[in-house]
Amino acid sequence: MHTRLQDAKKLIQDLEADKSLAIAEAKQQMYLTMEGKDTELTELRERLTAVRGENEELAGKVEKMEKAGKAKTHGQFLYNINLT
């Protein structure tokens, strides 16, 4: 009876140790996953900042081209008026 009780106690301790190890491994894996996601998020934020900068630069170029196009159109209009 005493041996069976010791065996049962040992089994319980082993199961508790296995449970603790499984929890620790799960926490470690979750930490690694979160760390990877943090890195990915940082890279995406940096890329977004770069794309926004490019967008602003292109918007400025478009605006200049539109102004130049309007000035050219206006100049052509004035040129045509002077011919008539």
Protein backbone atom coordinates (compact mmCIF):
# COMPACT_ATOMS: atom_id res chain seq x y z
CA MET A 1 0.00 0.00 0.00
CA HIS A 2 2.80 2.37 0.90
CA THR A 3 4.57 1.69 -2.41
CA ARG A 4 1.40 2.32 -4.40
CA LEU A 5 0.91 5.61 -2.56
CA GLN A 6 4.50 6.64 -3.31
CA ASP A 7 4.07 5.65 -6.96
CA ALA A 8 0.86 7.70 -7.20
CA LYS A 9 2.56 10.67 -5.56
CA LYS A 10 5.52 10.38 -7.96
CA LEU A 11 3.14 10.17 -10.92
CA ILE A 12 1.35 13.32 -9.78
CA GLN A 13 4.66 15.15 -9.39
CA ASP A 14 5.79 14.03 -12.84
CA LEU A 15 2.50 15.17 -14.38
CA GLU A 16 2.79 18.54 -12.65
CA ALA A 17 6.36 18.92 -13.92
CA ASP A 18 5.25 18.01 -17.45
CA LYS A 19 2.42 20.51 -17.20
CA SER A 20 4.79 23.26 -16.04
CA LEU A 21 7.20 22.44 -18.85
CA ALA A 22 4.40 22.51 -21.44
CA ILE A 23 3.22 25.89 -20.14
CA ALA A 24 6.77 27.28 -20.23
CA GLU A 25 7.26 26.05 -23.80
CA ALA A 26 3.93 27.56 -24.88
CA LYS A 27 4.86 30.89 -23.29
CA GLN A 28 8.24 30.84 -25.01
CA GLN A 29 6.66 30.11 -28.38
CA MET A 30 4.11 32.88 -27.85
CA TYR A 31 6.88 35.29 -26.93
CA LEU A 32 8.84 34.41 -30.07
CA THR A 33 5.72 34.82 -32.20
CA MET A 34 4.95 38.20 -30.66
CA GLU A 35 8.55 39.32 -31.11
CA GLY A 36 8.36 38.38 -34.79
CA LYS A 37 5.08 40.26 -35.19
CA ASP A 38 6.60 43.31 -33.50
CA THR A 39 9.49 43.24 -35.96
CA GLU A 40 7.09 42.84 -38.86
CA LEU A 41 4.95 45.71 -37.60
CA THR A 42 8.00 47.97 -37.26
CA GLU A 43 9.06 47.16 -40.83
CA LEU A 44 5.54 47.84 -42.14
CA ARG A 45 5.41 51.18 -40.32
CA GLU A 46 8.77 52.17 -41.82
CA ARG A 47 7.56 51.17 -45.30
CA LEU A 48 4.32 53.11 -44.79
CA THR A 49 6.29 56.21 -43.83
CA ALA A 50 8.43 55.84 -46.95
CA VAL A 51 5.39 55.35 -49.18
CA ARG A 52 3.67 58.38 -47.67
CA GLY A 53 6.79 60.44 -48.39
CA GLU A 54 6.83 59.20 -51.97
CA ASN A 55 3.13 59.99 -52.27
CA GLU A 56 3.64 63.55 -51.06
CA GLU A 57 6.56 64.02 -53.45
CA LEU A 58 4.53 62.73 -56.39
CA ALA A 59 1.53 64.86 -55.41
CA GLY A 60 3.82 67.90 -55.48
CA LYS A 61 5.11 66.97 -58.91
CA VAL A 62 1.56 66.46 -60.21
CA GLU A 63 0.54 69.85 -58.85
CA LYS A 64 3.50 71.52 -60.56
CA MET A 65 2.71 69.76 -63.82
CA GLU A 66 -0.95 70.80 -63.61
CA LYS A 67 0.07 74.41 -63.00
CA ALA A 68 2.51 74.27 -65.88
CA GLY A 69 -0.19 72.75 -68.09
CA LYS A 70 -2.67 75.47 -67.14
CA ALA A 71 -0.09 78.18 -67.75
CA LYS A 72 0.73 76.69 -71.13
CA THR A 73 -2.96 76.41 -72.01
CA HIS A 74 -3.54 79.97 -70.81
CA GLY A 75 -0.51 81.17 -72.80
CA GLN A 76 -1.79 79.40 -75.93
CA PHE A 77 -5.21 81.03 -75.38
CA LEU A 78 -3.60 84.48 -75.17
CA TYR A 79 -1.48 83.71 -78.23
CA ASN A 80 -4.61 82.75 -80.20
CA ILE A 81 -6.36 85.96 -79.13
CA ASN A 82 -3.44 88.05 -80.38
CA LEU A 83 -3.60 86.34 -83.77
CA THR A 84 -7.20 87.31 -84.37
